[in-house]
Amino acid sequence: MKNVNPVNWFDINVSNLNNAKEFYETVFNIKLIDFPKEFGKQSGFPFDPKGINITGALVEKEDFMPSSSNTVIYFESEDCVTEEKLVVKAGGKIIRPKMSIGEFGFVSIFMDKDGNTIGLHSKK
């Protein structure tokens, strides 16, 4: 697997799928796709099946336990500040405002309504 990005999927566990969908659709201005009922309560993030990209899903868990020490998933952004402004409006919390990571650009870290820690990455 030379020169291949090994990341291709992620699950974000949530307590209430509808609330989580509303949060992520608001912050990223996207429409999530509901999966078939036999998959359980899940909604997927949009992606281009012919493109080189990764995607994942919000997964409602009956025994969900909020934790801010989950794996951090970074979403690509034009400018982290754009989504930062929407996080609080959507019910989340900014943990680390936009900061430089040198030649690699910038990151922000926020917490969604279920306590998941999520990152943003931008080049500017």
PDB file of N, CA and C in Angstrom:
ATOM      1  N   MET A   1       0.836  -1.188   0.000  1.00  0.00           N
ATOM      2  CA  MET A   1       0.000   0.000   0.000  1.00  0.00           C
ATOM      3  C   MET A   1       0.878   1.247   0.000  1.00  0.00           C
ATOM      4  N   LYS A   2       1.783   1.308  -0.910  1.00  0.00           N
ATOM      5  CA  LYS A   2       2.701   2.434  -1.005  1.00  0.00           C
ATOM      6  C   LYS A   2       1.964   3.690  -1.460  1.00  0.00           C
ATOM      7  N   ASN A   3       2.230   4.806  -0.771  1.00  0.00           N
ATOM      8  CA  ASN A   3       1.651   6.109  -1.111  1.00  0.00           C
ATOM      9  C   ASN A   3       0.124   6.117  -1.127  1.00  0.00           C
ATOM     10  N   VAL A   4      -0.476   5.322  -0.290  1.00  0.00           N
ATOM     11  CA  VAL A   4      -1.935   5.292  -0.203  1.00  0.00           C
ATOM     12  C   VAL A   4      -2.345   5.744   1.190  1.00  0.00           C
ATOM     13  N   ASN A   5      -3.327   6.618   1.263  1.00  0.00           N
ATOM     14  CA  ASN A   5      -3.850   7.055   2.552  1.00  0.00           C
ATOM     15  C   ASN A   5      -4.639   5.895   3.158  1.00  0.00           C
ATOM     16  N   PRO A   6      -4.236   5.355   4.316  1.00  0.00           N
ATOM     17  CA  PRO A   6      -4.920   4.200   4.889  1.00  0.00           C
ATOM     18  C   PRO A   6      -6.270   4.519   5.515  1.00  0.00           C
ATOM     19  N   VAL A   7      -6.582   5.792   5.693  1.00  0.00           N
ATOM     20  CA  VAL A   7      -7.864   6.154   6.298  1.00  0.00           C
ATOM     21  C   VAL A   7      -8.938   6.145   5.212  1.00  0.00           C
ATOM     22  N   ASN A   8     -10.014   5.404   5.443  1.00  0.00           N
ATOM     23  CA  ASN A   8     -11.084   5.394   4.450  1.00  0.00           C
ATOM     24  C   ASN A   8     -12.477   5.443   5.051  1.00  0.00           C
ATOM     25  N   TRP A   9     -12.599   5.396   6.363  1.00  0.00           N
ATOM     26  CA  TRP A   9     -13.918   5.398   6.993  1.00  0.00           C
ATOM     27  C   TRP A   9     -13.790   5.833   8.440  1.00  0.00           C
ATOM     28  N   PHE A  10     -14.841   6.391   8.975  1.00  0.00           N
ATOM     29  CA  PHE A  10     -14.884   6.693  10.400  1.00  0.00           C
ATOM     30  C   PHE A  10     -16.318   6.578  10.888  1.00  0.00           C
ATOM     31  N   ASP A  11     -16.474   6.205  12.139  1.00  0.00           N
ATOM     32  CA  ASP A  11     -17.760   6.240  12.825  1.00  0.00           C
ATOM     33  C   ASP A  11     -17.659   7.273  13.930  1.00  0.00           C
ATOM     34  N   ILE A  12     -18.667   8.108  14.035  1.00  0.00           N
ATOM     35  CA  ILE A  12     -18.801   9.016  15.164  1.00  0.00           C
ATOM     36  C   ILE A  12     -20.015   8.528  15.942  1.00  0.00           C
ATOM     37  N   ASN A  13     -19.782   7.963  17.117  1.00  0.00           N
ATOM     38  CA  ASN A  13     -20.882   7.450  17.931  1.00  0.00           C
ATOM     39  C   ASN A  13     -21.620   8.609  18.593  1.00  0.00           C
ATOM     40  N   VAL A  14     -22.944   8.529  18.574  1.00  0.00           N
ATOM     41  CA  VAL A  14     -23.785   9.605  19.102  1.00  0.00           C
ATOM     42  C   VAL A  14     -24.927   9.025  19.925  1.00  0.00           C
ATOM     43  N   SER A  15     -25.524   9.869  20.766  1.00  0.00           N
ATOM     44  CA  SER A  15     -26.645   9.429  21.597  1.00  0.00           C
ATOM     45  C   SER A  15     -27.980   9.562  20.875  1.00  0.00           C
ATOM     46  N   ASN A  16     -28.102  10.547  19.976  1.00  0.00           N
ATOM     47  CA  ASN A  16     -29.355  10.800  19.275  1.00  0.00           C
ATOM     48  C   ASN A  16     -29.027  11.178  17.834  1.00  0.00           C
ATOM     49  N   LEU A  17     -29.354  10.286  16.902  1.00  0.00           N
ATOM     50  CA  LEU A  17     -28.976  10.479  15.506  1.00  0.00           C
ATOM     51  C   LEU A  17     -29.548  11.771  14.927  1.00  0.00           C
ATOM     52  N   ASN A  18     -30.804  12.073  15.203  1.00  0.00           N
ATOM     53  CA  ASN A  18     -31.410  13.282  14.628  1.00  0.00           C
ATOM     54  C   ASN A  18     -30.720  14.552  15.112  1.00  0.00           C
ATOM     55  N   ASN A  19     -30.401  14.617  16.407  1.00  0.00           N
ATOM     56  CA  ASN A  19     -29.689  15.791  16.930  1.00  0.00           C
ATOM     57  C   ASN A  19     -28.300  15.907  16.321  1.00  0.00           C
ATOM     58  N   ALA A  20     -27.606  14.782  16.204  1.00  0.00           N
ATOM     59  CA  ALA A  20     -26.261  14.796  15.642  1.00  0.00           C
ATOM     60  C   ALA A  20     -26.287  15.190  14.168  1.00  0.00           C
ATOM     61  N   LYS A  21     -27.249  14.679  13.413  1.00  0.00           N
ATOM     62  CA  LYS A  21     -27.382  15.053  12.002  1.00  0.00           C
ATOM     63  C   LYS A  21     -27.572  16.559  11.867  1.00  0.00           C
ATOM     64  N   GLU A  22     -28.457  17.102  12.675  1.00  0.00           N
ATOM     65  CA  GLU A  22     -28.718  18.549  12.631  1.00  0.00           C
ATOM     66  C   GLU A  22     -27.430  19.335  12.906  1.00  0.00           C
ATOM     67  N   PHE A  23     -26.659  18.896  13.899  1.00  0.00           N
ATOM     68  CA  PHE A  23     -25.408  19.571  14.250  1.00  0.00           C
ATOM     69  C   PHE A  23     -24.441  19.569  13.071  1.00  0.00           C
ATOM     70  N   TYR A  24     -24.118  18.396  12.515  1.00  0.00           N
ATOM     71  CA  TYR A  24     -23.121  18.292  11.453  1.00  0.00           C
ATOM     72  C   TYR A  24     -23.611  18.909  10.142  1.00  0.00           C
ATOM     73  N   GLU A  25     -24.890  18.796   9.838  1.00  0.00           N
ATOM     74  CA  GLU A  25     -25.418  19.429   8.637  1.00  0.00           C
ATOM     75  C   GLU A  25     -25.325  20.949   8.745  1.00  0.00           C
ATOM     76  N   THR A  26     -25.540  21.488   9.939  1.00  0.00           N
ATOM     77  CA  THR A  26     -25.444  22.935  10.155  1.00  0.00           C
ATOM     78  C   THR A  26     -24.005  23.414  10.074  1.00  0.00           C
ATOM     79  N   VAL A  27     -23.106  22.753  10.789  1.00  0.00           N
ATOM     80  CA  VAL A  27     -21.708  23.202  10.846  1.00  0.00           C
ATOM     81  C   VAL A  27     -21.026  23.105   9.479  1.00  0.00           C
ATOM     82  N   PHE A  28     -21.253  22.024   8.731  1.00  0.00           N
ATOM     83  CA  PHE A  28     -20.549  21.810   7.469  1.00  0.00           C
ATOM     84  C   PHE A  28     -21.393  22.097   6.223  1.00  0.00           C
ATOM     85  N   ASN A  29     -22.622  22.570   6.417  1.00  0.00           N
ATOM     86  CA  ASN A  29     -23.508  22.908   5.299  1.00  0.00           C
ATOM     87  C   ASN A  29     -23.583  21.751   4.294  1.00  0.00           C
ATOM     88  N   ILE A  30     -23.921  20.563   4.818  1.00  0.00           N
ATOM     89  CA  ILE A  30     -24.030  19.351   4.010  1.00  0.00           C
ATOM     90  C   ILE A  30     -25.346  18.650   4.335  1.00  0.00           C
ATOM     91  N   LYS A  31     -25.666  17.644   3.574  1.00  0.00           N
ATOM     92  CA  LYS A  31     -26.833  16.801   3.825  1.00  0.00           C
ATOM     93  C   LYS A  31     -26.335  15.378   4.010  1.00  0.00           C
ATOM     94  N   LEU A  32     -26.589  14.801   5.188  1.00  0.00           N
ATOM     95  CA  LEU A  32     -26.188  13.422   5.447  1.00  0.00           C
ATOM     96  C   LEU A  32     -27.205  12.455   4.839  1.00  0.00           C
ATOM     97  N   ILE A  33     -26.740  11.244   4.561  1.00  0.00           N
ATOM     98  CA  ILE A  33     -27.560  10.228   3.908  1.00  0.00           C
ATOM     99  C   ILE A  33     -27.936   9.155   4.914  1.00  0.00           C
ATOM    100  N   ASP A  34     -29.238   8.925   5.110  1.00  0.00           N
ATOM    101  CA  ASP A  34     -29.684   7.867   6.028  1.00  0.00           C
ATOM    102  C   ASP A  34     -29.400   6.505   5.407  1.00  0.00           C
ATOM    103  N   PHE A  35     -28.846   5.605   6.214  1.00  0.00           N
ATOM    104  CA  PHE A  35     -28.540   4.253   5.757  1.00  0.00           C
ATOM    105  C   PHE A  35     -29.765   3.357   5.963  1.00  0.00           C
ATOM    106  N   PRO A  36     -29.783   2.201   5.291  1.00  0.00           N
ATOM    107  CA  PRO A  36     -30.903   1.260   5.473  1.00  0.00           C
ATOM    108  C   PRO A  36     -31.050   0.854   6.944  1.00  0.00           C
ATOM    109  N   LYS A  37     -32.272   0.614   7.367  1.00  0.00           N
ATOM    110  CA  LYS A  37     -32.568   0.278   8.773  1.00  0.00           C
ATOM    111  C   LYS A  37     -31.794  -0.943   9.269  1.00  0.00           C
ATOM    112  N   GLU A  38     -31.499  -1.879   8.380  1.00  0.00           N
ATOM    113  CA  GLU A  38     -30.777  -3.080   8.819  1.00  0.00           C
ATOM    114  C   GLU A  38     -29.342  -2.758   9.261  1.00  0.00           C
ATOM    115  N   PHE A  39     -28.833  -1.574   8.937  1.00  0.00           N
ATOM    116  CA  PHE A  39     -27.507  -1.138   9.404  1.00  0.00           C
ATOM    117  C   PHE A  39     -27.580  -0.577  10.821  1.00  0.00           C
ATOM    118  N   GLY A  40     -28.778  -0.411  11.347  1.00  0.00           N
ATOM    119  CA  GLY A  40     -28.958   0.284  12.621  1.00  0.00           C
ATOM    120  C   GLY A  40     -29.199   1.757  12.332  1.00  0.00           C
ATOM    121  N   LYS A  41     -29.256   2.569  13.360  1.00  0.00           N
ATOM    122  CA  LYS A  41     -29.485   4.004  13.174  1.00  0.00           C
ATOM    123  C   LYS A  41     -28.172   4.670  12.784  1.00  0.00           C
ATOM    124  N   GLN A  42     -28.014   4.918  11.463  1.00  0.00           N
ATOM    125  CA  GLN A  42     -26.796   5.517  10.942  1.00  0.00           C
ATOM    126  C   GLN A  42     -27.111   6.469   9.804  1.00  0.00           C
ATOM    127  N   SER A  43     -26.319   7.528   9.718  1.00  0.00           N
ATOM    128  CA  SER A  43     -26.381   8.450   8.585  1.00  0.00           C
ATOM    129  C   SER A  43     -24.965   8.728   8.127  1.00  0.00           C
ATOM    130  N   GLY A  44     -24.760   8.656   6.803  1.00  0.00           N
ATOM    131  CA  GLY A  44     -23.419   8.815   6.247  1.00  0.00           C
ATOM    132  C   GLY A  44     -23.137  10.214   5.764  1.00  0.00           C
ATOM    133  N   PHE A  45     -21.859  10.570   5.794  1.00  0.00           N
ATOM    134  CA  PHE A  45     -21.396  11.830   5.238  1.00  0.00           C
ATOM    135  C   PHE A  45     -21.295  11.676   3.724  1.00  0.00           C
ATOM    136  N   PRO A  46     -21.569  12.750   2.978  1.00  0.00           N
ATOM    137  CA  PRO A  46     -21.501  12.656   1.518  1.00  0.00           C
ATOM    138  C   PRO A  46     -20.066  12.427   1.035  1.00  0.00           C
ATOM    139  N   PHE A  47     -19.940  11.768  -0.115  1.00  0.00           N
ATOM    140  CA  PHE A  47     -18.627  11.526  -0.716  1.00  0.00           C
ATOM    141  C   PHE A  47     -18.806  11.224  -2.188  1.00  0.00           C
ATOM    142  N   ASP A  48     -17.715  11.275  -2.919  1.00  0.00           N
ATOM    143  CA  ASP A  48     -17.708  10.957  -4.337  1.00  0.00           C
ATOM    144  C   ASP A  48     -17.131   9.553  -4.489  1.00  0.00           C
ATOM    145  N   PRO A  49     -17.960   8.549  -4.826  1.00  0.00           N
ATOM    146  CA  PRO A  49     -17.454   7.174  -4.913  1.00  0.00           C
ATOM    147  C   PRO A  49     -16.382   6.987  -5.987  1.00  0.00           C
ATOM    148  N   LYS A  50     -16.281   7.917  -6.934  1.00  0.00           N
ATOM    149  CA  LYS A  50     -15.269   7.812  -7.989  1.00  0.00           C
ATOM    150  C   LYS A  50     -14.020   8.626  -7.650  1.00  0.00           C
ATOM    151  N   GLY A  51     -14.089   9.408  -6.578  1.00  0.00           N
ATOM    152  CA  GLY A  51     -12.964  10.251  -6.199  1.00  0.00           C
ATOM    153  C   GLY A  51     -12.104   9.608  -5.131  1.00  0.00           C
ATOM    154  N   ILE A  52     -10.986  10.267  -4.853  1.00  0.00           N
ATOM    155  CA  ILE A  52     -10.116   9.814  -3.773  1.00  0.00           C
ATOM    156  C   ILE A  52     -10.503  10.617  -2.545  1.00  0.00           C
ATOM    157  N   ASN A  53     -11.235   9.990  -1.650  1.00  0.00           N
ATOM    158  CA  ASN A  53     -11.674  10.671  -0.438  1.00  0.00           C
ATOM    159  C   ASN A  53     -12.028   9.635   0.618  1.00  0.00           C
ATOM    160  N   ILE A  54     -12.302  10.116   1.807  1.00  0.00           N
ATOM    161  CA  ILE A  54     -12.762   9.227   2.866  1.00  0.00           C
ATOM    162  C   ILE A  54     -14.115   9.709   3.326  1.00  0.00           C
ATOM    163  N   THR A  55     -14.851   8.829   3.948  1.00  0.00           N
ATOM    164  CA  THR A  55     -16.140   9.214   4.499  1.00  0.00           C
ATOM    165  C   THR A  55     -16.422   8.341   5.709  1.00  0.00           C
ATOM    166  N   GLY A  56     -17.556   8.572   6.312  1.00  0.00           N
ATOM    167  CA  GLY A  56     -17.922   7.813   7.493  1.00  0.00           C
ATOM    168  C   GLY A  56     -19.364   8.090   7.845  1.00  0.00           C
ATOM    169  N   ALA A  57     -19.733   7.736   9.074  1.00  0.00           N
ATOM    170  CA  ALA A  57     -21.128   7.831   9.470  1.00  0.00           C
ATOM    171  C   ALA A  57     -21.277   8.243  10.922  1.00  0.00           C
ATOM    172  N   LEU A  58     -22.426   8.840  11.204  1.00  0.00           N
ATOM    173  CA  LEU A  58     -22.879   9.021  12.580  1.00  0.00           C
ATOM    174  C   LEU A  58     -23.600   7.738  12.936  1.00  0.00           C
ATOM    175  N   VAL A  59     -23.298   7.169  14.102  1.00  0.00           N
ATOM    176  CA  VAL A  59     -23.888   5.895  14.501  1.00  0.00           C
ATOM    177  C   VAL A  59     -24.522   6.067  15.873  1.00  0.00           C
ATOM    178  N   GLU A  60     -25.858   5.920  15.946  1.00  0.00           N
ATOM    179  CA  GLU A  60     -26.537   6.033  17.237  1.00  0.00           C
ATOM    180  C   GLU A  60     -26.298   4.763  18.035  1.00  0.00           C
ATOM    181  N   LYS A  61     -25.822   4.927  19.260  1.00  0.00           N
ATOM    182  CA  LYS A  61     -25.543   3.800  20.156  1.00  0.00           C
ATOM    183  C   LYS A  61     -26.453   3.891  21.374  1.00  0.00           C
ATOM    184  N   GLU A  62     -27.114   2.791  21.692  1.00  0.00           N
ATOM    185  CA  GLU A  62     -28.006   2.740  22.849  1.00  0.00           C
ATOM    186  C   GLU A  62     -27.245   2.976  24.146  1.00  0.00           C
ATOM    187  N   ASP A  63     -26.033   2.441  24.222  1.00  0.00           N
ATOM    188  CA  ASP A  63     -25.238   2.540  25.453  1.00  0.00           C
ATOM    189  C   ASP A  63     -24.170   3.627  25.349  1.00  0.00           C
ATOM    190  N   PHE A  64     -24.447   4.667  24.581  1.00  0.00           N
ATOM    191  CA  PHE A  64     -23.481   5.740  24.342  1.00  0.00           C
ATOM    192  C   PHE A  64     -23.056   6.424  25.631  1.00  0.00           C
ATOM    193  N   MET A  65     -21.745   6.617  25.774  1.00  0.00           N
ATOM    194  CA  MET A  65     -21.181   7.328  26.918  1.00  0.00           C
ATOM    195  C   MET A  65     -20.345   8.492  26.391  1.00  0.00           C
ATOM    196  N   PRO A  66     -20.760   9.741  26.647  1.00  0.00           N
ATOM    197  CA  PRO A  66     -19.979  10.880  26.162  1.00  0.00           C
ATOM    198  C   PRO A  66     -18.557  10.847  26.703  1.00  0.00           C
ATOM    199  N   SER A  67     -17.603  11.226  25.848  1.00  0.00           N
ATOM    200  CA  SER A  67     -16.202  11.272  26.253  1.00  0.00           C
ATOM    201  C   SER A  67     -15.468  12.235  25.347  1.00  0.00           C
ATOM    202  N   SER A  68     -14.669  13.103  25.932  1.00  0.00           N
ATOM    203  CA  SER A  68     -13.884  14.027  25.121  1.00  0.00           C
ATOM    204  C   SER A  68     -12.527  13.433  24.757  1.00  0.00           C
ATOM    205  N   SER A  69     -12.290  12.184  25.115  1.00  0.00           N
ATOM    206  CA  SER A  69     -11.009  11.560  24.797  1.00  0.00           C
ATOM    207  C   SER A  69     -11.132  10.566  23.643  1.00  0.00           C
ATOM    208  N   ASN A  70     -12.150  10.732  22.819  1.00  0.00           N
ATOM    209  CA  ASN A  70     -12.313   9.869  21.647  1.00  0.00           C
ATOM    210  C   ASN A  70     -11.235  10.182  20.620  1.00  0.00           C
ATOM    211  N   THR A  71     -11.138   9.344  19.613  1.00  0.00           N
ATOM    212  CA  THR A  71     -10.249   9.607  18.493  1.00  0.00           C
ATOM    213  C   THR A  71     -10.687  10.899  17.829  1.00  0.00           C
ATOM    214  N   VAL A  72      -9.728  11.750  17.483  1.00  0.00           N
ATOM    215  CA  VAL A  72     -10.052  13.016  16.832  1.00  0.00           C
ATOM    216  C   VAL A  72     -10.016  12.810  15.324  1.00  0.00           C
ATOM    217  N   ILE A  73     -11.105  13.135  14.679  1.00  0.00           N
ATOM    218  CA  ILE A  73     -11.235  13.072  13.230  1.00  0.00           C
ATOM    219  C   ILE A  73     -11.125  14.503  12.733  1.00  0.00           C
ATOM    220  N   TYR A  74     -10.304  14.735  11.708  1.00  0.00           N
ATOM    221  CA  TYR A  74     -10.148  16.081  11.158  1.00  0.00           C
ATOM    222  C   TYR A  74     -10.884  16.197   9.833  1.00  0.00           C
ATOM    223  N   PHE A  75     -11.731  17.210   9.742  1.00  0.00           N
ATOM    224  CA  PHE A  75     -12.444  17.525   8.516  1.00  0.00           C
ATOM    225  C   PHE A  75     -11.696  18.631   7.790  1.00  0.00           C
ATOM    226  N   GLU A  76     -11.559  18.498   6.475  1.00  0.00           N
ATOM    227  CA  GLU A  76     -10.911  19.528   5.674  1.00  0.00           C
ATOM    228  C   GLU A  76     -11.826  20.744   5.584  1.00  0.00           C
ATOM    229  N   SER A  77     -11.224  21.925   5.586  1.00  0.00           N
ATOM    230  CA  SER A  77     -11.961  23.184   5.594  1.00  0.00           C
ATOM    231  C   SER A  77     -11.230  24.187   4.717  1.00  0.00           C
ATOM    232  N   GLU A  78     -11.955  25.109   4.141  1.00  0.00           N
ATOM    233  CA  GLU A  78     -11.328  26.210   3.410  1.00  0.00           C
ATOM    234  C   GLU A  78     -10.598  27.110   4.402  1.00  0.00           C
ATOM    235  N   ASP A  79     -11.274  27.429   5.520  1.00  0.00           N
ATOM    236  CA  ASP A  79     -10.707  28.236   6.603  1.00  0.00           C
ATOM    237  C   ASP A  79     -11.420  27.822   7.884  1.00  0.00           C
ATOM    238  N   CYS A  80     -10.691  27.291   8.843  1.00  0.00           N
ATOM    239  CA  CYS A  80     -11.263  26.758  10.087  1.00  0.00           C
ATOM    240  C   CYS A  80     -12.248  27.714  10.757  1.00  0.00           C
ATOM    241  N   VAL A  81     -11.997  29.002  10.645  1.00  0.00           N
ATOM    242  CA  VAL A  81     -12.837  29.998  11.317  1.00  0.00           C
ATOM    243  C   VAL A  81     -14.284  29.937  10.818  1.00  0.00           C
ATOM    244  N   THR A  82     -14.484  29.583   9.552  1.00  0.00           N
ATOM    245  CA  THR A  82     -15.839  29.515   8.987  1.00  0.00           C
ATOM    246  C   THR A  82     -16.712  28.552   9.788  1.00  0.00           C
ATOM    247  N   GLU A  83     -16.220  27.318  10.005  1.00  0.00           N
ATOM    248  CA  GLU A  83     -16.994  26.329  10.758  1.00  0.00           C
ATOM    249  C   GLU A  83     -16.994  26.634  12.254  1.00  0.00           C
ATOM    250  N   GLU A  84     -15.908  27.204  12.763  1.00  0.00           N
ATOM    251  CA  GLU A  84     -15.869  27.582  14.181  1.00  0.00           C
ATOM    252  C   GLU A  84     -17.062  28.469  14.538  1.00  0.00           C
ATOM    253  N   LYS A  85     -17.376  29.405  13.664  1.00  0.00           N
ATOM    254  CA  LYS A  85     -18.486  30.320  13.919  1.00  0.00           C
ATOM    255  C   LYS A  85     -19.816  29.583  14.008  1.00  0.00           C
ATOM    256  N   LEU A  86     -19.920  28.433  13.332  1.00  0.00           N
ATOM    257  CA  LEU A  86     -21.177  27.682  13.310  1.00  0.00           C
ATOM    258  C   LEU A  86     -21.280  26.661  14.442  1.00  0.00           C
ATOM    259  N   VAL A  87     -20.156  26.256  14.997  1.00  0.00           N
ATOM    260  CA  VAL A  87     -20.146  25.224  16.038  1.00  0.00           C
ATOM    261  C   VAL A  87     -20.990  25.626  17.236  1.00  0.00           C
ATOM    262  N   VAL A  88     -20.748  26.803  17.776  1.00  0.00           N
ATOM    263  CA  VAL A  88     -21.484  27.250  18.961  1.00  0.00           C
ATOM    264  C   VAL A  88     -22.968  27.434  18.635  1.00  0.00           C
ATOM    265  N   LYS A  89     -23.262  28.015  17.463  1.00  0.00           N
ATOM    266  CA  LYS A  89     -24.655  28.198  17.043  1.00  0.00           C
ATOM    267  C   LYS A  89     -25.387  26.865  16.944  1.00  0.00           C
ATOM    268  N   ALA A  90     -24.649  25.799  16.589  1.00  0.00           N
ATOM    269  CA  ALA A  90     -25.258  24.475  16.421  1.00  0.00           C
ATOM    270  C   ALA A  90     -25.295  23.672  17.716  1.00  0.00           C
ATOM    271  N   GLY A  91     -24.768  24.236  18.815  1.00  0.00           N
ATOM    272  CA  GLY A  91     -24.844  23.559  20.107  1.00  0.00           C
ATOM    273  C   GLY A  91     -23.547  22.922  20.566  1.00  0.00           C
ATOM    274  N   GLY A  92     -22.444  23.157  19.852  1.00  0.00           N
ATOM    275  CA  GLY A  92     -21.152  22.599  20.236  1.00  0.00           C
ATOM    276  C   GLY A  92     -20.312  23.599  21.014  1.00  0.00           C
ATOM    277  N   LYS A  93     -19.034  23.258  21.202  1.00  0.00           N
ATOM    278  CA  LYS A  93     -18.136  24.092  22.003  1.00  0.00           C
ATOM    279  C   LYS A  93     -16.750  24.085  21.352  1.00  0.00           C
ATOM    280  N   ILE A  94     -16.137  25.251  21.227  1.00  0.00           N
ATOM    281  CA  ILE A  94     -14.774  25.341  20.706  1.00  0.00           C
ATOM    282  C   ILE A  94     -13.808  24.949  21.821  1.00  0.00           C
ATOM    283  N   ILE A  95     -12.945  23.979  21.552  1.00  0.00           N
ATOM    284  CA  ILE A  95     -11.941  23.550  22.524  1.00  0.00           C
ATOM    285  C   ILE A  95     -10.628  24.286  22.264  1.00  0.00           C
ATOM    286  N   ARG A  96     -10.200  24.336  21.009  1.00  0.00           N
ATOM    287  CA  ARG A  96      -8.988  25.045  20.634  1.00  0.00           C
ATOM    288  C   ARG A  96      -9.293  25.835  19.356  1.00  0.00           C
ATOM    289  N   PRO A  97      -9.310  27.176  19.456  1.00  0.00           N
ATOM    290  CA  PRO A  97      -9.532  27.981  18.255  1.00  0.00           C
ATOM    291  C   PRO A  97      -8.418  27.770  17.233  1.00  0.00           C
ATOM    292  N   LYS A  98      -8.655  28.231  16.040  1.00  0.00           N
ATOM    293  CA  LYS A  98      -7.706  28.094  14.939  1.00  0.00           C
ATOM    294  C   LYS A  98      -6.287  28.426  15.394  1.00  0.00           C
ATOM    295  N   MET A  99      -5.367  27.499  15.086  1.00  0.00           N
ATOM    296  CA  MET A  99      -3.958  27.728  15.418  1.00  0.00           C
ATOM    297  C   MET A  99      -3.085  27.195  14.295  1.00  0.00           C
ATOM    298  N   SER A 100      -1.920  27.770  14.153  1.00  0.00           N
ATOM    299  CA  SER A 100      -0.986  27.373  13.106  1.00  0.00           C
ATOM    300  C   SER A 100      -0.323  26.044  13.456  1.00  0.00           C
ATOM    301  N   ILE A 101      -0.144  25.218  12.430  1.00  0.00           N
ATOM    302  CA  ILE A 101       0.673  24.012  12.564  1.00  0.00           C
ATOM    303  C   ILE A 101       1.815  24.096  11.540  1.00  0.00           C
ATOM    304  N   GLY A 102       2.317  25.317  11.409  1.00  0.00           N
ATOM    305  CA  GLY A 102       3.454  25.579  10.531  1.00  0.00           C
ATOM    306  C   GLY A 102       3.153  25.346   9.068  1.00  0.00           C
ATOM    307  N   GLU A 103       4.062  24.687   8.381  1.00  0.00           N
ATOM    308  CA  GLU A 103       3.920  24.471   6.942  1.00  0.00           C
ATOM    309  C   GLU A 103       2.700  23.628   6.565  1.00  0.00           C
ATOM    310  N   PHE A 104       2.085  22.967   7.551  1.00  0.00           N
ATOM    311  CA  PHE A 104       0.936  22.100   7.273  1.00  0.00           C
ATOM    312  C   PHE A 104      -0.397  22.831   7.342  1.00  0.00           C
ATOM    313  N   GLY A 105      -0.389  24.113   7.693  1.00  0.00           N
ATOM    314  CA  GLY A 105      -1.618  24.890   7.707  1.00  0.00           C
ATOM    315  C   GLY A 105      -2.093  25.234   9.099  1.00  0.00           C
ATOM    316  N   PHE A 106      -3.396  25.004   9.330  1.00  0.00           N
ATOM    317  CA  PHE A 106      -4.035  25.394  10.578  1.00  0.00           C
ATOM    318  C   PHE A 106      -5.016  24.318  11.025  1.00  0.00           C
ATOM    319  N   VAL A 107      -5.258  24.247  12.325  1.00  0.00           N
ATOM    320  CA  VAL A 107      -6.271  23.351  12.869  1.00  0.00           C
ATOM    321  C   VAL A 107      -7.094  24.072  13.928  1.00  0.00           C
ATOM    322  N   SER A 108      -8.305  23.607  14.106  1.00  0.00           N
ATOM    323  CA  SER A 108      -9.194  23.996  15.203  1.00  0.00           C
ATOM    324  C   SER A 108      -9.736  22.698  15.779  1.00  0.00           C
ATOM    325  N   ILE A 109     -10.083  22.713  17.047  1.00  0.00           N
ATOM    326  CA  ILE A 109     -10.686  21.524  17.654  1.00  0.00           C
ATOM    327  C   ILE A 109     -11.943  21.958  18.391  1.00  0.00           C
ATOM    328  N   PHE A 110     -13.019  21.197  18.184  1.00  0.00           N
ATOM    329  CA  PHE A 110     -14.277  21.503  18.855  1.00  0.00           C
ATOM    330  C   PHE A 110     -14.912  20.241  19.397  1.00  0.00           C
ATOM    331  N   MET A 111     -15.921  20.424  20.229  1.00  0.00           N
ATOM    332  CA  MET A 111     -16.685  19.316  20.792  1.00  0.00           C
ATOM    333  C   MET A 111     -18.104  19.407  20.247  1.00  0.00           C
ATOM    334  N   ASP A 112     -18.622  18.283  19.752  1.00  0.00           N
ATOM    335  CA  ASP A 112     -20.000  18.291  19.272  1.00  0.00           C
ATOM    336  C   ASP A 112     -20.961  18.120  20.445  1.00  0.00           C
ATOM    337  N   LYS A 113     -22.247  18.031  20.164  1.00  0.00           N
ATOM    338  CA  LYS A 113     -23.269  17.939  21.219  1.00  0.00           C
ATOM    339  C   LYS A 113     -23.135  16.687  22.076  1.00  0.00           C
ATOM    340  N   ASP A 114     -22.503  15.629  21.546  1.00  0.00           N
ATOM    341  CA  ASP A 114     -22.356  14.378  22.278  1.00  0.00           C
ATOM    342  C   ASP A 114     -21.004  14.240  22.961  1.00  0.00           C
ATOM    343  N   GLY A 115     -20.199  15.299  22.928  1.00  0.00           N
ATOM    344  CA  GLY A 115     -18.899  15.252  23.589  1.00  0.00           C
ATOM    345  C   GLY A 115     -17.782  14.686  22.739  1.00  0.00           C
ATOM    346  N   ASN A 116     -18.041  14.405  21.457  1.00  0.00           N
ATOM    347  CA  ASN A 116     -16.982  13.938  20.564  1.00  0.00           C
ATOM    348  C   ASN A 116     -16.049  15.099  20.237  1.00  0.00           C
ATOM    349  N   THR A 117     -14.753  14.850  20.255  1.00  0.00           N
ATOM    350  CA  THR A 117     -13.770  15.850  19.895  1.00  0.00           C
ATOM    351  C   THR A 117     -13.487  15.717  18.403  1.00  0.00           C
ATOM    352  N   ILE A 118     -13.713  16.808  17.672  1.00  0.00           N
ATOM    353  CA  ILE A 118     -13.571  16.828  16.215  1.00  0.00           C
ATOM    354  C   ILE A 118     -12.616  17.936  15.821  1.00  0.00           C
ATOM    355  N   GLY A 119     -11.779  17.690  14.818  1.00  0.00           N
ATOM    356  CA  GLY A 119     -10.844  18.694  14.353  1.00  0.00           C
ATOM    357  C   GLY A 119     -11.209  19.233  12.982  1.00  0.00           C
ATOM    358  N   LEU A 120     -10.705  20.421  12.711  1.00  0.00           N
ATOM    359  CA  LEU A 120     -10.817  21.044  11.401  1.00  0.00           C
ATOM    360  C   LEU A 120      -9.397  21.303  10.913  1.00  0.00           C
ATOM    361  N   HIS A 121      -9.150  21.151   9.624  1.00  0.00           N
ATOM    362  CA  HIS A 121      -7.829  21.435   9.058  1.00  0.00           C
ATOM    363  C   HIS A 121      -8.013  22.314   7.836  1.00  0.00           C
ATOM    364  N   SER A 122      -7.222  23.383   7.751  1.00  0.00           N
ATOM    365  CA  SER A 122      -7.248  24.244   6.570  1.00  0.00           C
ATOM    366  C   SER A 122      -5.835  24.662   6.214  1.00  0.00           C
ATOM    367  N   LYS A 123      -5.646  25.014   4.949  1.00  0.00           N
ATOM    368  CA  LYS A 123      -4.334  25.479   4.483  1.00  0.00           C
ATOM    369  C   LYS A 123      -4.155  26.970   4.761  1.00  0.00           C
ATOM    370  N   LYS A 124      -5.283  27.705   4.907  1.00  0.00           N
ATOM    371  CA  LYS A 124      -5.151  29.139   5.182  1.00  0.00           C
ATOM    372  C   LYS A 124      -5.856  29.527   6.460  1.00  0.00           C
TER     373      LYS A 124
END
